[in-house]
């Protein structure tokens, strides 16, 4: 199968498959005379494994280490996927019950303890990017950004800012299959640059570096790609071109 056929079958972007090839995670078994990638049945089975691991939140580096290990057993891996997906389903079921109970509580149909209000939530990491940000851009930049964020929380504007950010993510996701250097893509990424600079002070070079983090850091990739598979890669390329045009 050709790369576009595989992308449509698996529900991922062509850009994502190219990236998997570049990092040695999913290398096509064949190349046509014209130089196009040709995916075998074995490649499709491996892609299914990758998709399972991605759905469960595994970073690409870890997935590559797992599936390239000589002791990797596909059937054993599927058994683990099944168990982890059941656990994920159980957590979602708990969250759904919490939503239902909260709706009943709001309608005055039942009482609800404070403990019940938070059943099902699982926040294992708080502000996971701050350490990397301080390392890359320094304490002053991060402190200034945190101060702006704190002020927005105080005056209640943080919710509007988040809604604006999510709306822009969705617009960028709609463009992710286009050329990142196109006029429409660059207009949208400029809005992203302007939006970020309301929270911090990003030079074009820092903006480009941040875009690269969207791909290098699996936590960024996972959160951004919730809006559309391959969005992080598209944004990286669009941000790099935008930064270059501003240099």
Protein backbone atom coordinates (compact mmCIF):
# COMPACT_ATOMS: atom_id res chain seq x y z
CA UNK A 1 0.00 0.00 0.00
CA UNK A 2 1.12 3.55 -0.72
CA UNK A 3 1.55 6.08 2.05
CA UNK A 4 -1.70 7.92 1.32
CA UNK A 5 -3.68 4.65 1.41
CA UNK A 6 -2.10 3.70 4.74
CA UNK A 7 -2.80 7.15 6.17
CA UNK A 8 -6.49 6.92 5.22
CA UNK A 9 -6.76 3.34 6.53
CA UNK A 10 -5.20 4.10 9.93
CA UNK A 11 -6.65 7.59 10.35
CA UNK A 12 -3.27 9.28 10.63
CA UNK A 13 -1.70 11.94 8.44
CA UNK A 14 0.82 11.35 5.68
CA UNK A 15 3.11 13.76 7.54
CA UNK A 16 2.95 11.49 10.61
CA UNK A 17 3.92 8.41 8.59
CA UNK A 18 6.83 10.31 7.06
CA UNK A 19 7.95 11.26 10.56
CA UNK A 20 7.74 7.64 11.76
CA UNK A 21 9.96 6.69 8.83
CA UNK A 22 12.45 9.48 9.58
CA UNK A 23 12.91 8.41 13.21
CA UNK A 24 13.17 4.71 12.36
CA UNK A 25 9.91 3.71 14.01
CA UNK A 26 8.02 2.52 10.92
CA UNK A 27 10.24 2.06 7.87
CA UNK A 28 8.36 0.89 4.74
CA UNK A 29 9.48 -2.51 3.51
CA UNK A 30 9.59 -1.29 -0.07
CA UNK A 31 10.35 1.72 -2.23
CA UNK A 32 8.91 1.94 -5.74
CA UNK A 33 11.04 2.79 -8.77
CA UNK A 34 9.57 6.28 -8.61
CA UNK A 35 10.81 6.61 -5.02
CA UNK A 36 7.46 6.26 -3.24
CA UNK A 37 7.08 4.40 0.05
CA UNK A 38 5.46 0.95 -0.25
CA UNK A 39 3.99 -0.54 2.95
CA UNK A 40 3.70 -4.30 3.49
CA UNK A 41 1.27 -6.27 5.63
CA UNK A 42 4.03 -6.51 8.25
CA UNK A 43 4.27 -2.71 8.25
CA UNK A 44 0.52 -2.42 8.81
CA UNK A 45 0.67 -4.82 11.76
CA UNK A 46 3.47 -2.76 13.28
CA UNK A 47 1.51 0.45 12.70
CA UNK A 48 -1.43 -1.06 14.55
CA UNK A 49 0.87 -1.71 17.53
CA UNK A 50 2.15 1.87 17.35
CA UNK A 51 -1.42 3.20 17.32
CA UNK A 52 -2.30 1.11 20.38
CA UNK A 53 0.70 2.45 22.27
CA UNK A 54 -0.02 6.02 21.18
CA UNK A 55 -3.64 5.70 22.32
CA UNK A 56 -2.33 4.64 25.71
CA UNK A 57 -0.04 7.66 25.94
CA UNK A 58 3.35 6.06 25.29
CA UNK A 59 6.04 8.43 23.88
CA UNK A 60 7.45 7.56 20.46
CA UNK A 61 10.95 6.91 21.82
CA UNK A 62 9.56 4.34 24.23
CA UNK A 63 7.40 2.75 21.53
CA UNK A 64 10.41 2.38 19.26
CA UNK A 65 12.43 0.78 22.08
CA UNK A 66 9.60 -1.69 22.75
CA UNK A 67 8.79 -2.78 19.20
CA UNK A 68 12.42 -3.06 18.09
CA UNK A 69 13.43 -5.19 21.06
CA UNK A 70 14.37 -8.74 20.00
CA UNK A 71 12.14 -10.15 22.74
CA UNK A 72 9.07 -8.23 21.54
CA UNK A 73 6.06 -10.58 21.35
CA UNK A 74 3.07 -9.23 19.40
CA UNK A 75 0.50 -11.45 21.13
CA UNK A 76 1.85 -10.61 24.57
CA UNK A 77 1.78 -6.90 23.67
CA UNK A 78 -1.86 -7.20 22.56
CA UNK A 79 -2.70 -8.80 25.89
CA UNK A 80 -1.12 -5.85 27.71
CA UNK A 81 -2.99 -3.40 25.46
CA UNK A 82 -6.24 -5.13 26.38
CA UNK A 83 -5.55 -4.82 30.10
CA UNK A 84 -4.49 -1.17 29.89
CA UNK A 85 -7.47 -0.24 27.73
CA UNK A 86 -9.77 -1.88 30.26
CA UNK A 87 -8.18 0.21 33.00
CA UNK A 88 -8.58 3.33 30.87
CA UNK A 89 -12.23 2.41 30.22
CA UNK A 90 -12.79 1.93 33.94
CA UNK A 91 -11.42 5.40 34.65
CA UNK A 92 -13.65 6.94 31.95
CA UNK A 93 -16.62 5.08 33.42
CA UNK A 94 -15.83 6.59 36.83
CA UNK A 95 -15.63 10.05 35.29
CA UNK A 96 -18.95 9.54 33.50
CA UNK A 97 -20.56 8.52 36.79
CA UNK A 98 -19.11 11.64 38.41
CA UNK A 99 -20.60 13.80 35.64
CA UNK A 100 -24.02 12.13 36.03
CA UNK A 101 -23.97 12.53 39.81
CA UNK A 102 -22.91 16.17 39.49
CA UNK A 103 -25.79 16.87 37.09
CA UNK A 104 -28.22 15.31 39.54
CA UNK A 105 -26.66 17.30 42.38
CA UNK A 106 -26.99 20.55 40.41
CA UNK A 107 -30.69 19.76 39.78
CA UNK A 108 -31.18 19.17 43.51
CA UNK A 109 -32.03 15.50 43.00
CA UNK A 110 -29.32 14.10 45.29
CA UNK A 111 -26.61 15.01 47.77
CA UNK A 112 -22.97 14.67 46.82
CA UNK A 113 -19.92 14.50 49.08
CA UNK A 114 -16.79 16.49 48.26
CA UNK A 115 -14.93 13.22 47.72
CA UNK A 116 -17.52 12.08 45.17
CA UNK A 117 -17.05 15.32 43.20
CA UNK A 118 -13.49 14.30 42.31
CA UNK A 119 -13.83 10.58 41.69
CA UNK A 120 -12.18 9.40 38.47
CA UNK A 121 -9.72 12.25 38.04
CA UNK A 122 -6.06 11.29 37.62
CA UNK A 123 -3.55 14.12 37.40
CA UNK A 124 -0.17 12.48 37.69
CA UNK A 125 1.90 15.50 36.69
CA UNK A 126 1.63 19.19 37.47
CA UNK A 127 3.10 21.76 35.06
CA UNK A 128 5.36 19.20 33.34
CA UNK A 129 6.97 21.69 30.93
CA UNK A 130 8.26 24.33 33.33
CA UNK A 131 11.62 22.68 33.96
CA UNK A 132 12.39 22.43 30.25
CA UNK A 133 11.20 26.00 29.68
CA UNK A 134 13.49 27.37 32.39
CA UNK A 135 16.39 25.42 30.94
CA UNK A 136 15.79 26.71 27.41
CA UNK A 137 14.70 30.32 27.99
CA UNK A 138 15.76 31.21 31.53
CA UNK A 139 14.04 31.92 34.82
CA UNK A 140 13.04 35.50 33.99
CA UNK A 141 11.07 34.52 30.88
CA UNK A 142 9.21 31.76 32.73
CA UNK A 143 8.58 33.95 35.79
CA UNK A 144 7.16 36.73 33.60
CA UNK A 145 4.91 34.23 31.84
CA UNK A 146 3.74 32.78 35.17
CA UNK A 147 3.00 36.28 36.43
CA UNK A 148 0.84 37.02 33.36
CA UNK A 149 -0.91 33.68 33.80
CA UNK A 150 -1.58 34.43 37.46
CA UNK A 151 -3.04 37.83 36.60
CA UNK A 152 -5.33 36.25 34.00
CA UNK A 153 -6.54 33.73 36.56
CA UNK A 154 -7.27 36.54 39.02
CA UNK A 155 -9.29 38.66 36.59
CA UNK A 156 -11.10 35.66 35.09
CA UNK A 157 -9.72 36.13 31.56
CA UNK A 158 -7.87 32.79 31.52
CA UNK A 159 -10.99 30.92 30.38
CA UNK A 160 -11.46 33.25 27.40
CA UNK A 161 -7.78 32.91 26.53
CA UNK A 162 -8.03 29.10 26.65
CA UNK A 163 -11.12 29.16 24.44
CA UNK A 164 -9.30 31.41 21.96
CA UNK A 165 -6.30 29.07 22.00
CA UNK A 166 -8.44 25.97 21.43
CA UNK A 167 -10.31 27.67 18.58
CA UNK A 168 -6.99 28.49 16.92
CA UNK A 169 -5.81 24.91 17.43
CA UNK A 170 -8.93 23.72 15.59
CA UNK A 171 -8.32 26.15 12.72
CA UNK A 172 -4.72 25.00 12.43
CA UNK A 173 -5.87 21.37 12.52
CA UNK A 174 -8.14 22.05 9.55
CA UNK A 175 -5.06 23.29 7.65
CA UNK A 176 -2.66 20.53 8.72
CA UNK A 177 -2.83 18.64 5.40
CA UNK A 178 -1.93 21.80 3.46
CA UNK A 179 1.51 23.23 2.72
CA UNK A 180 2.77 24.80 5.99
CA UNK A 181 4.34 27.57 3.90
CA UNK A 182 1.06 28.52 2.18
CA UNK A 183 -0.49 31.92 2.73
CA UNK A 184 -3.39 30.50 4.76
CA UNK A 185 -1.07 28.40 6.93
CA UNK A 186 1.27 31.29 7.58
CA UNK A 187 -1.61 33.66 8.41
CA UNK A 188 -2.88 31.20 11.02
CA UNK A 189 0.57 30.55 12.48
CA UNK A 190 1.13 34.33 12.79
CA UNK A 191 -2.01 34.41 14.94
CA UNK A 192 -0.43 31.64 17.02
CA UNK A 193 2.76 33.69 17.38
CA UNK A 194 0.79 36.75 18.45
CA UNK A 195 -1.29 34.70 20.89
CA UNK A 196 1.78 33.21 22.57
CA UNK A 197 3.34 36.63 22.90
CA UNK A 198 0.39 37.74 24.99
CA UNK A 199 1.60 35.21 27.55
CA UNK A 200 5.36 35.57 27.15
CA UNK A 201 8.05 37.17 25.01
CA UNK A 202 8.96 34.90 22.10
CA UNK A 203 11.59 35.93 19.59
CA UNK A 204 11.27 34.29 16.15
CA UNK A 205 14.12 31.93 17.10
CA UNK A 206 12.42 30.97 20.38
CA UNK A 207 9.18 30.46 18.45
CA UNK A 208 10.97 28.07 16.07
CA UNK A 209 12.54 26.25 19.03
CA UNK A 210 9.13 25.87 20.65
CA UNK A 211 7.75 24.37 17.46
CA UNK A 212 10.53 21.79 17.49
CA UNK A 213 9.59 20.94 21.08
CA UNK A 214 6.07 20.16 19.87
CA UNK A 215 7.59 17.18 18.02
CA UNK A 216 10.54 16.28 20.25
CA UNK A 217 8.54 16.23 23.49
CA UNK A 218 5.91 13.51 23.37
CA UNK A 219 3.77 15.27 25.98
CA UNK A 220 3.40 18.26 23.66
CA UNK A 221 2.73 16.00 20.67
CA UNK A 222 0.04 14.05 22.49
CA UNK A 223 -1.82 17.16 23.66
CA UNK A 224 -1.59 19.00 20.34
CA UNK A 225 -2.52 15.98 18.23
CA UNK A 226 -5.77 15.65 20.18
CA UNK A 227 -7.01 18.31 17.75
CA UNK A 228 -5.86 16.27 14.75
CA UNK A 229 -3.23 13.62 14.08
CA UNK A 230 -0.13 15.26 12.62
CA UNK A 231 -0.94 18.78 13.87
CA UNK A 232 2.26 19.03 15.95
CA UNK A 233 4.39 18.23 12.90
CA UNK A 234 2.50 20.73 10.76
CA UNK A 235 2.88 23.45 13.39
CA UNK A 236 6.60 22.77 13.74
CA UNK A 237 7.13 23.23 9.99
CA UNK A 238 4.89 26.29 9.80
CA UNK A 239 6.55 27.89 12.84
CA UNK A 240 10.03 27.25 11.42
CA UNK A 241 9.12 28.89 8.10
CA UNK A 242 7.46 31.83 9.86
CA UNK A 243 10.52 32.35 12.09
CA UNK A 244 12.80 32.21 9.03
CA UNK A 245 10.73 34.83 7.22
CA UNK A 246 11.04 37.13 10.24
CA UNK A 247 14.80 36.75 10.62
